[in-house]
Amino acid sequence: MGRPVRGSLEDVFELQDRVASNVAGIIEPTLRSAEIRRAAQWPTHDLTAYDFYLRALPYRAVYDQNHTFRALSLLEQSIERDPQYGPAVALAAECHHFLVANSWAGEASRLEGLRLARYAIQIADDDPNVLGKAAFVLGFFGENIDAAVALMDRSLALNPSFAEGWISSGVLRNFAGQPDLAITHFETSLRLNPRDHKARHLTGIGVAHFFNRRFNVAAAKLVISLEELPTWAVTYRFLASCYAHMGRLGEAREIVARLLAITPVVVPEVVPFRNPEHRELFLSGLRLAAAEAT
């Protein structure tokens, strides 16, 4: 007869303990070595600058005016402490994009966003996060779109698993007049980070369908996006334009009213879409929706 079951289980547990101990013995020094390398390569040695940057992150994660200005204030203090701190510079540039996109700031913010994005590239040192944010901001503010896309591609080549970068790349592809490729990039981001909030992906995918004149699909995506992120003016503007093109003018009017609750500007001054037909499709529907709301 074989050994008692109790003895067999004890052997299994003993083996598990030995394996766990051996694995821990291998992993711990490896992790320690990786952490030392990471610390040595950290883009700032000023802990105060790093602290300001970390404190800005939760404010930047909230998509509204007051939180964005608060994040920008903290990032400016971080940059003052260490002007070479690329992540803080790039995130500050992104804050200026967000303020202008929602019409909460004007020309001065646009120029500062451009300055910071260009400077971020100079000090990026092949940091994909810095390069990706700079590329996105440059693309939004009207710089050469091919150069912005090439910079974003460089960022993704450095880190193909950069989920946030794939979102920005999708937006840039919409700017460049490539809606089908934009959808692919948004879907790639979702596969890489399925737990991420879906609002930005859905807005980007909705915009791409809008440009392909699939208005029913676009509207459905944009409506769901607004349920998760009701403070993003871009989504309201495209949904209002979409409804106007569909002849659903009453709903377009309601969306404009909701848009006006977060920003006083219906038709934005900065319109980053390079394809003339896409640009006119967006603006003509939005103007019609705005006219219905007056």
C-alpha atoms as a PDB file:
ATOM      1  CA  MET A   1       0.000   0.000   0.000  1.00  0.00           C
ATOM      2  CA  GLY A   2       1.096   3.593  -0.578  1.00  0.00           C
ATOM      3  CA  ARG A   3       2.024   6.120   2.061  1.00  0.00           C
ATOM      4  CA  PRO A   4      -0.811   7.763   4.045  1.00  0.00           C
ATOM      5  CA  VAL A   5      -2.458  10.755   2.376  1.00  0.00           C
ATOM      6  CA  ARG A   6      -1.349  13.000   5.248  1.00  0.00           C
ATOM      7  CA  GLY A   7       2.287  12.225   4.556  1.00  0.00           C
ATOM      8  CA  SER A   8       1.827  12.927   0.844  1.00  0.00           C
ATOM      9  CA  LEU A   9       0.280  16.310   1.543  1.00  0.00           C
ATOM     10  CA  GLU A  10       3.071  17.180   3.952  1.00  0.00           C
ATOM     11  CA  ASP A  11       5.604  16.344   1.254  1.00  0.00           C
ATOM     12  CA  VAL A  12       3.775  18.557  -1.218  1.00  0.00           C
ATOM     13  CA  PHE A  13       3.699  21.469   1.247  1.00  0.00           C
ATOM     14  CA  GLU A  14       7.383  20.986   2.023  1.00  0.00           C
ATOM     15  CA  LEU A  15       8.180  21.036  -1.701  1.00  0.00           C
ATOM     16  CA  GLN A  16       6.100  24.194  -2.138  1.00  0.00           C
ATOM     17  CA  ASP A  17       8.002  25.895   0.675  1.00  0.00           C
ATOM     18  CA  ARG A  18      11.350  24.978  -0.869  1.00  0.00           C
ATOM     19  CA  VAL A  19      10.278  26.193  -4.322  1.00  0.00           C
ATOM     20  CA  ALA A  20       8.920  29.450  -2.890  1.00  0.00           C
ATOM     21  CA  SER A  21      12.121  30.009  -0.944  1.00  0.00           C
ATOM     22  CA  ASN A  22      14.304  29.337  -3.979  1.00  0.00           C
ATOM     23  CA  VAL A  23      12.199  31.560  -6.250  1.00  0.00           C
ATOM     24  CA  ALA A  24      12.256  34.365  -3.684  1.00  0.00           C
ATOM     25  CA  GLY A  25      16.007  33.998  -3.413  1.00  0.00           C
ATOM     26  CA  ILE A  26      16.321  34.475  -7.168  1.00  0.00           C
ATOM     27  CA  ILE A  27      13.726  37.234  -7.591  1.00  0.00           C
ATOM     28  CA  GLU A  28      14.651  39.454  -4.646  1.00  0.00           C
ATOM     29  CA  PRO A  29      18.197  40.344  -5.771  1.00  0.00           C
ATOM     30  CA  THR A  30      16.972  40.718  -9.344  1.00  0.00           C
ATOM     31  CA  LEU A  31      14.299  43.179  -8.264  1.00  0.00           C
ATOM     32  CA  ARG A  32      16.781  44.999  -6.046  1.00  0.00           C
ATOM     33  CA  SER A  33      19.207  45.318  -8.957  1.00  0.00           C
ATOM     34  CA  ALA A  34      16.446  46.566 -11.260  1.00  0.00           C
ATOM     35  CA  GLU A  35      15.332  49.112  -8.663  1.00  0.00           C
ATOM     36  CA  ILE A  36      18.898  50.395  -8.272  1.00  0.00           C
ATOM     37  CA  ARG A  37      19.241  50.798 -12.054  1.00  0.00           C
ATOM     38  CA  ARG A  38      15.876  52.521 -12.214  1.00  0.00           C
ATOM     39  CA  ALA A  39      16.817  54.932  -9.438  1.00  0.00           C
ATOM     40  CA  ALA A  40      20.141  55.713 -11.103  1.00  0.00           C
ATOM     41  CA  GLN A  41      18.347  56.495 -14.370  1.00  0.00           C
ATOM     42  CA  TRP A  42      15.546  58.539 -12.754  1.00  0.00           C
ATOM     43  CA  PRO A  43      15.097  61.816 -14.644  1.00  0.00           C
ATOM     44  CA  THR A  44      15.483  63.999 -11.534  1.00  0.00           C
ATOM     45  CA  HIS A  45      17.560  63.768  -8.393  1.00  0.00           C
ATOM     46  CA  ASP A  46      15.602  66.592  -6.777  1.00  0.00           C
ATOM     47  CA  LEU A  47      13.131  64.878  -4.465  1.00  0.00           C
ATOM     48  CA  THR A  48      11.129  68.081  -4.051  1.00  0.00           C
ATOM     49  CA  ALA A  49      10.640  68.336  -7.817  1.00  0.00           C
ATOM     50  CA  TYR A  50       9.578  64.699  -7.850  1.00  0.00           C
ATOM     51  CA  ASP A  51       7.182  65.321  -4.951  1.00  0.00           C
ATOM     52  CA  PHE A  52       5.504  68.218  -6.776  1.00  0.00           C
ATOM     53  CA  TYR A  53       5.147  66.004  -9.849  1.00  0.00           C
ATOM     54  CA  LEU A  54       3.576  63.164  -7.869  1.00  0.00           C
ATOM     55  CA  ARG A  55       1.177  65.579  -6.162  1.00  0.00           C
ATOM     56  CA  ALA A  56       0.092  66.887  -9.576  1.00  0.00           C
ATOM     57  CA  LEU A  57      -0.845  63.460 -10.943  1.00  0.00           C
ATOM     58  CA  PRO A  58      -4.160  62.962  -9.093  1.00  0.00           C
ATOM     59  CA  TYR A  59      -5.258  66.502  -9.996  1.00  0.00           C
ATOM     60  CA  ARG A  60      -4.420  65.900 -13.661  1.00  0.00           C
ATOM     61  CA  ALA A  61      -6.415  62.675 -13.570  1.00  0.00           C
ATOM     62  CA  VAL A  62      -9.594  64.681 -12.843  1.00  0.00           C
ATOM     63  CA  TYR A  63     -10.840  66.238 -16.045  1.00  0.00           C
ATOM     64  CA  ASP A  64     -12.149  69.596 -14.917  1.00  0.00           C
ATOM     65  CA  GLN A  65     -10.944  73.191 -14.907  1.00  0.00           C
ATOM     66  CA  ASN A  66     -10.003  73.699 -11.250  1.00  0.00           C
ATOM     67  CA  HIS A  67      -8.124  70.410 -10.944  1.00  0.00           C
ATOM     68  CA  THR A  68      -6.203  71.082 -14.159  1.00  0.00           C
ATOM     69  CA  PHE A  69      -5.090  74.524 -12.975  1.00  0.00           C
ATOM     70  CA  ARG A  70      -4.060  72.990  -9.652  1.00  0.00           C
ATOM     71  CA  ALA A  71      -2.033  70.303 -11.428  1.00  0.00           C
ATOM     72  CA  LEU A  72      -0.376  72.948 -13.597  1.00  0.00           C
ATOM     73  CA  SER A  73       0.580  75.003 -10.550  1.00  0.00           C
ATOM     74  CA  LEU A  74       2.273  71.994  -8.929  1.00  0.00           C
ATOM     75  CA  LEU A  75       4.045  71.093 -12.175  1.00  0.00           C
ATOM     76  CA  GLU A  76       5.354  74.635 -12.546  1.00  0.00           C
ATOM     77  CA  GLN A  77       6.857  74.340  -9.055  1.00  0.00           C
ATOM     78  CA  SER A  78       8.400  71.015 -10.037  1.00  0.00           C
ATOM     79  CA  ILE A  79       9.956  72.542 -13.156  1.00  0.00           C
ATOM     80  CA  GLU A  80      11.219  75.516 -11.168  1.00  0.00           C
ATOM     81  CA  ARG A  81      13.060  73.090  -8.890  1.00  0.00           C
ATOM     82  CA  ASP A  82      14.445  71.042 -11.794  1.00  0.00           C
ATOM     83  CA  PRO A  83      14.076  72.622 -15.276  1.00  0.00           C
ATOM     84  CA  GLN A  84      15.424  69.390 -16.836  1.00  0.00           C
ATOM     85  CA  TYR A  85      12.701  67.167 -15.386  1.00  0.00           C
ATOM     86  CA  GLY A  86      11.113  65.888 -18.601  1.00  0.00           C
ATOM     87  CA  PRO A  87       7.980  64.167 -17.219  1.00  0.00           C
ATOM     88  CA  ALA A  88       6.918  67.362 -15.410  1.00  0.00           C
ATOM     89  CA  VAL A  89       7.561  69.504 -18.501  1.00  0.00           C
ATOM     90  CA  ALA A  90       5.608  67.155 -20.779  1.00  0.00           C
ATOM     91  CA  LEU A  91       2.682  66.861 -18.368  1.00  0.00           C
ATOM     92  CA  ALA A  92       2.524  70.650 -18.011  1.00  0.00           C
ATOM     93  CA  ALA A  93       2.332  70.916 -21.818  1.00  0.00           C
ATOM     94  CA  GLU A  94      -0.520  68.398 -21.771  1.00  0.00           C
ATOM     95  CA  CYS A  95      -2.345  70.477 -19.144  1.00  0.00           C
ATOM     96  CA  HIS A  96      -2.209  73.487 -21.463  1.00  0.00           C
ATOM     97  CA  HIS A  97      -3.678  71.337 -24.238  1.00  0.00           C
ATOM     98  CA  PHE A  98      -6.547  70.328 -21.978  1.00  0.00           C
ATOM     99  CA  LEU A  99      -7.274  73.919 -20.975  1.00  0.00           C
ATOM    100  CA  VAL A 100      -7.323  75.128 -24.578  1.00  0.00           C
ATOM    101  CA  ALA A 101      -9.335  72.129 -25.825  1.00  0.00           C
ATOM    102  CA  ASN A 102     -12.068  72.977 -23.329  1.00  0.00           C
ATOM    103  CA  SER A 103     -11.805  76.727 -24.090  1.00  0.00           C
ATOM    104  CA  TRP A 104     -10.764  77.457 -20.508  1.00  0.00           C
ATOM    105  CA  ALA A 105      -7.633  79.252 -21.729  1.00  0.00           C
ATOM    106  CA  GLY A 106      -6.596  81.051 -24.891  1.00  0.00           C
ATOM    107  CA  GLU A 107      -3.599  82.089 -26.949  1.00  0.00           C
ATOM    108  CA  ALA A 108      -1.175  82.502 -24.062  1.00  0.00           C
ATOM    109  CA  SER A 109      -1.815  78.933 -22.943  1.00  0.00           C
ATOM    110  CA  ARG A 110      -1.462  77.644 -26.503  1.00  0.00           C
ATOM    111  CA  LEU A 111       1.927  79.295 -26.888  1.00  0.00           C
ATOM    112  CA  GLU A 112       3.111  78.034 -23.513  1.00  0.00           C
ATOM    113  CA  GLY A 113       1.953  74.519 -24.338  1.00  0.00           C
ATOM    114  CA  LEU A 114       3.913  74.626 -27.583  1.00  0.00           C
ATOM    115  CA  ARG A 115       7.016  75.955 -25.836  1.00  0.00           C
ATOM    116  CA  LEU A 116       6.890  73.251 -23.189  1.00  0.00           C
ATOM    117  CA  ALA A 117       6.293  70.479 -25.731  1.00  0.00           C
ATOM    118  CA  ARG A 118       9.275  71.559 -27.832  1.00  0.00           C
ATOM    119  CA  TYR A 119      11.440  71.841 -24.736  1.00  0.00           C
ATOM    120  CA  ALA A 120      10.291  68.407 -23.543  1.00  0.00           C
ATOM    121  CA  ILE A 121      11.629  66.852 -26.745  1.00  0.00           C
ATOM    122  CA  GLN A 122      15.029  68.441 -26.137  1.00  0.00           C
ATOM    123  CA  ILE A 123      15.338  66.934 -22.659  1.00  0.00           C
ATOM    124  CA  ALA A 124      13.367  63.699 -23.211  1.00  0.00           C
ATOM    125  CA  ASP A 125      16.404  61.405 -23.414  1.00  0.00           C
ATOM    126  CA  ASP A 126      14.348  58.698 -25.162  1.00  0.00           C
ATOM    127  CA  ASP A 127      11.679  58.654 -22.446  1.00  0.00           C
ATOM    128  CA  PRO A 128       8.592  57.313 -24.323  1.00  0.00           C
ATOM    129  CA  ASN A 129       6.192  59.011 -21.915  1.00  0.00           C
ATOM    130  CA  VAL A 130       7.774  62.417 -22.491  1.00  0.00           C
ATOM    131  CA  LEU A 131       8.048  61.958 -26.267  1.00  0.00           C
ATOM    132  CA  GLY A 132       4.457  60.730 -26.545  1.00  0.00           C
ATOM    133  CA  LYS A 133       2.975  63.635 -24.616  1.00  0.00           C
ATOM    134  CA  ALA A 134       5.075  66.152 -26.557  1.00  0.00           C
ATOM    135  CA  ALA A 135       4.024  64.632 -29.889  1.00  0.00           C
ATOM    136  CA  PHE A 136       0.360  64.787 -28.926  1.00  0.00           C
ATOM    137  CA  VAL A 137       0.522  68.420 -27.814  1.00  0.00           C
ATOM    138  CA  LEU A 138       2.409  69.483 -30.939  1.00  0.00           C
ATOM    139  CA  GLY A 139      -0.150  67.711 -33.107  1.00  0.00           C
ATOM    140  CA  PHE A 140      -3.057  69.345 -31.326  1.00  0.00           C
ATOM    141  CA  PHE A 141      -1.621  72.849 -31.536  1.00  0.00           C
ATOM    142  CA  GLY A 142      -1.128  72.689 -35.285  1.00  0.00           C
ATOM    143  CA  GLU A 143       2.524  71.787 -35.748  1.00  0.00           C
ATOM    144  CA  ASN A 144       3.552  69.578 -38.682  1.00  0.00           C
ATOM    145  CA  ILE A 145       1.324  66.530 -38.296  1.00  0.00           C
ATOM    146  CA  ASP A 146       3.735  64.149 -40.034  1.00  0.00           C
ATOM    147  CA  ALA A 147       6.498  65.168 -37.634  1.00  0.00           C
ATOM    148  CA  ALA A 148       4.160  64.714 -34.655  1.00  0.00           C
ATOM    149  CA  VAL A 149       3.116  61.246 -35.857  1.00  0.00           C
ATOM    150  CA  ALA A 150       6.768  60.257 -36.439  1.00  0.00           C
ATOM    151  CA  LEU A 151       7.620  61.363 -32.901  1.00  0.00           C
ATOM    152  CA  MET A 152       4.710  59.342 -31.528  1.00  0.00           C
ATOM    153  CA  ASP A 153       5.829  56.306 -33.542  1.00  0.00           C
ATOM    154  CA  ARG A 154       9.285  56.699 -32.007  1.00  0.00           C
ATOM    155  CA  SER A 155       7.723  56.738 -28.549  1.00  0.00           C
ATOM    156  CA  LEU A 156       5.803  53.523 -29.257  1.00  0.00           C
ATOM    157  CA  ALA A 157       8.872  51.855 -30.766  1.00  0.00           C
ATOM    158  CA  LEU A 158      10.689  52.537 -27.490  1.00  0.00           C
ATOM    159  CA  ASN A 159       7.795  51.024 -25.522  1.00  0.00           C
ATOM    160  CA  PRO A 160       5.251  49.039 -27.603  1.00  0.00           C
ATOM    161  CA  SER A 161       3.288  48.276 -24.405  1.00  0.00           C
ATOM    162  CA  PHE A 162       2.708  51.982 -23.691  1.00  0.00           C
ATOM    163  CA  ALA A 163      -1.105  51.929 -23.433  1.00  0.00           C
ATOM    164  CA  GLU A 164      -1.382  55.675 -22.837  1.00  0.00           C
ATOM    165  CA  GLY A 165       0.776  56.276 -25.893  1.00  0.00           C
ATOM    166  CA  TRP A 166      -1.562  54.246 -28.086  1.00  0.00           C
ATOM    167  CA  ILE A 167      -4.463  56.489 -26.995  1.00  0.00           C
ATOM    168  CA  SER A 168      -2.520  59.605 -27.962  1.00  0.00           C
ATOM    169  CA  SER A 169      -1.475  57.959 -31.210  1.00  0.00           C
ATOM    170  CA  GLY A 170      -5.122  57.242 -31.990  1.00  0.00           C
ATOM    171  CA  VAL A 171      -6.006  60.896 -31.429  1.00  0.00           C
ATOM    172  CA  LEU A 172      -3.122  61.990 -33.646  1.00  0.00           C
ATOM    173  CA  ARG A 173      -4.352  59.660 -36.401  1.00  0.00           C
ATOM    174  CA  ASN A 174      -7.751  61.344 -36.194  1.00  0.00           C
ATOM    175  CA  PHE A 175      -5.957  64.696 -36.484  1.00  0.00           C
ATOM    176  CA  ALA A 176      -4.081  63.367 -39.525  1.00  0.00           C
ATOM    177  CA  GLY A 177      -7.228  62.186 -41.313  1.00  0.00           C
ATOM    178  CA  GLN A 178      -6.696  58.451 -40.701  1.00  0.00           C
ATOM    179  CA  PRO A 179      -9.802  57.375 -38.768  1.00  0.00           C
ATOM    180  CA  ASP A 180      -9.528  53.638 -39.482  1.00  0.00           C
ATOM    181  CA  LEU A 181      -5.979  53.502 -38.170  1.00  0.00           C
ATOM    182  CA  ALA A 182      -7.094  55.620 -35.196  1.00  0.00           C
ATOM    183  CA  ILE A 183      -9.655  52.964 -34.238  1.00  0.00           C
ATOM    184  CA  THR A 184      -6.969  50.282 -34.408  1.00  0.00           C
ATOM    185  CA  HIS A 185      -4.723  52.265 -32.070  1.00  0.00           C
ATOM    186  CA  PHE A 186      -7.506  52.916 -29.550  1.00  0.00           C
ATOM    187  CA  GLU A 187      -8.352  49.214 -29.545  1.00  0.00           C
ATOM    188  CA  THR A 188      -4.668  48.363 -29.039  1.00  0.00           C
ATOM    189  CA  SER A 189      -4.617  50.589 -25.962  1.00  0.00           C
ATOM    190  CA  LEU A 190      -7.693  48.851 -24.578  1.00  0.00           C
ATOM    191  CA  ARG A 191      -6.107  45.435 -25.065  1.00  0.00           C
ATOM    192  CA  LEU A 192      -2.968  46.560 -23.273  1.00  0.00           C
ATOM    193  CA  ASN A 193      -4.860  48.095 -20.359  1.00  0.00           C
ATOM    194  CA  PRO A 194      -8.402  46.690 -20.221  1.00  0.00           C
ATOM    195  CA  ARG A 195      -8.981  48.180 -16.754  1.00  0.00           C
ATOM    196  CA  ASP A 196      -8.385  51.745 -17.905  1.00  0.00           C
ATOM    197  CA  HIS A 197     -11.291  54.165 -18.020  1.00  0.00           C
ATOM    198  CA  LYS A 198     -12.930  53.837 -21.417  1.00  0.00           C
ATOM    199  CA  ALA A 199     -14.131  57.408 -21.960  1.00  0.00           C
ATOM    200  CA  ARG A 200     -11.165  58.702 -23.936  1.00  0.00           C
ATOM    201  CA  HIS A 201     -11.033  55.564 -26.072  1.00  0.00           C
ATOM    202  CA  LEU A 202     -14.757  55.802 -26.786  1.00  0.00           C
ATOM    203  CA  THR A 203     -14.576  59.482 -27.706  1.00  0.00           C
ATOM    204  CA  GLY A 204     -11.673  58.801 -30.073  1.00  0.00           C
ATOM    205  CA  ILE A 205     -13.423  55.826 -31.662  1.00  0.00           C
ATOM    206  CA  GLY A 206     -16.632  57.871 -31.917  1.00  0.00           C
ATOM    207  CA  VAL A 207     -14.760  60.692 -33.670  1.00  0.00           C
ATOM    208  CA  ALA A 208     -13.278  58.187 -36.128  1.00  0.00           C
ATOM    209  CA  HIS A 209     -16.716  56.769 -36.949  1.00  0.00           C
ATOM    210  CA  PHE A 210     -18.044  60.316 -37.293  1.00  0.00           C
ATOM    211  CA  PHE A 211     -15.409  61.125 -39.921  1.00  0.00           C
ATOM    212  CA  ASN A 212     -16.418  57.940 -41.756  1.00  0.00           C
ATOM    213  CA  ARG A 213     -20.018  59.228 -41.641  1.00  0.00           C
ATOM    214  CA  ARG A 214     -21.203  56.316 -39.525  1.00  0.00           C
ATOM    215  CA  PHE A 215     -23.203  58.716 -37.407  1.00  0.00           C
ATOM    216  CA  ASN A 216     -25.334  56.146 -35.565  1.00  0.00           C
ATOM    217  CA  VAL A 217     -22.262  54.235 -34.388  1.00  0.00           C
ATOM    218  CA  ALA A 218     -20.435  57.454 -33.539  1.00  0.00           C
ATOM    219  CA  ALA A 219     -23.327  58.806 -31.470  1.00  0.00           C
ATOM    220  CA  ALA A 220     -23.611  55.578 -29.477  1.00  0.00           C
ATOM    221  CA  LYS A 221     -19.899  55.663 -28.580  1.00  0.00           C
ATOM    222  CA  LEU A 222     -19.978  59.353 -27.656  1.00  0.00           C
ATOM    223  CA  VAL A 223     -23.040  58.989 -25.431  1.00  0.00           C
ATOM    224  CA  ILE A 224     -21.391  56.197 -23.437  1.00  0.00           C
ATOM    225  CA  SER A 225     -18.204  58.251 -23.157  1.00  0.00           C
ATOM    226  CA  LEU A 226     -20.111  61.178 -21.654  1.00  0.00           C
ATOM    227  CA  GLU A 227     -21.605  58.923 -19.001  1.00  0.00           C
ATOM    228  CA  GLU A 228     -18.095  58.204 -17.718  1.00  0.00           C
ATOM    229  CA  LEU A 229     -16.471  61.587 -18.433  1.00  0.00           C
ATOM    230  CA  PRO A 230     -19.035  64.427 -18.494  1.00  0.00           C
ATOM    231  CA  THR A 231     -16.442  67.241 -18.388  1.00  0.00           C
ATOM    232  CA  TRP A 232     -14.735  66.787 -21.772  1.00  0.00           C
ATOM    233  CA  ALA A 233     -15.890  69.444 -24.243  1.00  0.00           C
ATOM    234  CA  VAL A 234     -14.639  67.551 -27.302  1.00  0.00           C
ATOM    235  CA  THR A 235     -17.168  64.775 -26.734  1.00  0.00           C
ATOM    236  CA  TYR A 236     -20.087  67.199 -26.466  1.00  0.00           C
ATOM    237  CA  ARG A 237     -19.009  69.049 -29.600  1.00  0.00           C
ATOM    238  CA  PHE A 238     -18.792  65.921 -31.720  1.00  0.00           C
ATOM    239  CA  LEU A 239     -22.049  64.513 -30.373  1.00  0.00           C
ATOM    240  CA  ALA A 240     -23.856  67.794 -31.086  1.00  0.00           C
ATOM    241  CA  SER A 241     -22.415  67.834 -34.605  1.00  0.00           C
ATOM    242  CA  CYS A 242     -23.351  64.192 -35.069  1.00  0.00           C
ATOM    243  CA  TYR A 243     -26.959  64.755 -34.026  1.00  0.00           C
ATOM    244  CA  ALA A 244     -27.192  67.797 -36.312  1.00  0.00           C
ATOM    245  CA  HIS A 245     -26.050  65.752 -39.323  1.00  0.00           C
ATOM    246  CA  MET A 246     -28.584  63.070 -38.397  1.00  0.00           C
ATOM    247  CA  GLY A 247     -31.382  65.645 -38.325  1.00  0.00           C
ATOM    248  CA  ARG A 248     -31.890  65.139 -34.589  1.00  0.00           C
ATOM    249  CA  LEU A 249     -31.793  68.860 -33.913  1.00  0.00           C
ATOM    250  CA  GLY A 250     -33.629  68.765 -30.610  1.00  0.00           C
ATOM    251  CA  GLU A 251     -31.032  66.406 -29.173  1.00  0.00           C
ATOM    252  CA  ALA A 252     -28.253  68.509 -30.695  1.00  0.00           C
ATOM    253  CA  ARG A 253     -29.686  71.534 -28.894  1.00  0.00           C
ATOM    254  CA  GLU A 254     -29.735  69.655 -25.585  1.00  0.00           C
ATOM    255  CA  ILE A 255     -26.088  68.616 -25.980  1.00  0.00           C
ATOM    256  CA  VAL A 256     -25.066  72.213 -26.692  1.00  0.00           C
ATOM    257  CA  ALA A 257     -26.851  73.295 -23.511  1.00  0.00           C
ATOM    258  CA  ARG A 258     -24.870  70.716 -21.538  1.00  0.00           C
ATOM    259  CA  LEU A 259     -21.661  71.852 -23.226  1.00  0.00           C
ATOM    260  CA  LEU A 260     -22.334  75.457 -22.196  1.00  0.00           C
ATOM    261  CA  ALA A 261     -22.507  74.324 -18.578  1.00  0.00           C
ATOM    262  CA  ILE A 262     -18.778  73.503 -18.670  1.00  0.00           C
ATOM    263  CA  THR A 263     -17.434  76.039 -21.189  1.00  0.00           C
ATOM    264  CA  PRO A 264     -18.786  79.253 -22.751  1.00  0.00           C
ATOM    265  CA  VAL A 265     -17.451  78.364 -26.221  1.00  0.00           C
ATOM    266  CA  VAL A 266     -19.394  76.067 -28.549  1.00  0.00           C
ATOM    267  CA  VAL A 267     -17.253  76.305 -31.705  1.00  0.00           C
ATOM    268  CA  PRO A 268     -13.577  76.127 -30.649  1.00  0.00           C
ATOM    269  CA  GLU A 269     -10.825  78.331 -32.020  1.00  0.00           C
ATOM    270  CA  VAL A 270      -8.304  75.486 -32.205  1.00  0.00           C
ATOM    271  CA  VAL A 271      -9.508  72.777 -34.592  1.00  0.00           C
ATOM    272  CA  PRO A 272      -6.668  70.281 -35.112  1.00  0.00           C
ATOM    273  CA  PHE A 273      -8.121  68.129 -37.901  1.00  0.00           C
ATOM    274  CA  ARG A 274      -5.961  68.380 -41.019  1.00  0.00           C
ATOM    275  CA  ASN A 275      -8.314  66.728 -43.525  1.00  0.00           C
ATOM    276  CA  PRO A 276     -10.415  69.613 -44.968  1.00  0.00           C
ATOM    277  CA  GLU A 277     -13.497  67.411 -45.456  1.00  0.00           C
ATOM    278  CA  HIS A 278     -13.325  66.079 -41.898  1.00  0.00           C
ATOM    279  CA  ARG A 279     -12.834  69.570 -40.549  1.00  0.00           C
ATOM    280  CA  GLU A 280     -15.815  70.960 -42.443  1.00  0.00           C
ATOM    281  CA  LEU A 281     -18.003  67.984 -41.519  1.00  0.00           C
ATOM    282  CA  PHE A 282     -17.318  68.629 -37.844  1.00  0.00           C
ATOM    283  CA  LEU A 283     -17.695  72.421 -37.974  1.00  0.00           C
ATOM    284  CA  SER A 284     -20.796  72.509 -40.193  1.00  0.00           C
ATOM    285  CA  GLY A 285     -22.702  70.183 -37.884  1.00  0.00           C
ATOM    286  CA  LEU A 286     -21.518  72.008 -34.777  1.00  0.00           C
ATOM    287  CA  ARG A 287     -22.513  75.408 -36.189  1.00  0.00           C
ATOM    288  CA  LEU A 288     -25.955  74.030 -37.042  1.00  0.00           C
ATOM    289  CA  ALA A 289     -26.328  72.666 -33.513  1.00  0.00           C
ATOM    290  CA  ALA A 290     -25.193  76.010 -32.056  1.00  0.00           C
ATOM    291  CA  ALA A 291     -27.683  77.905 -34.224  1.00  0.00           C
ATOM    292  CA  GLU A 292     -30.482  75.657 -32.999  1.00  0.00           C
ATOM    293  CA  ALA A 293     -29.502  76.384 -29.397  1.00  0.00           C
ATOM    294  CA  THR A 294     -29.765  80.171 -29.749  1.00  0.00           C
END
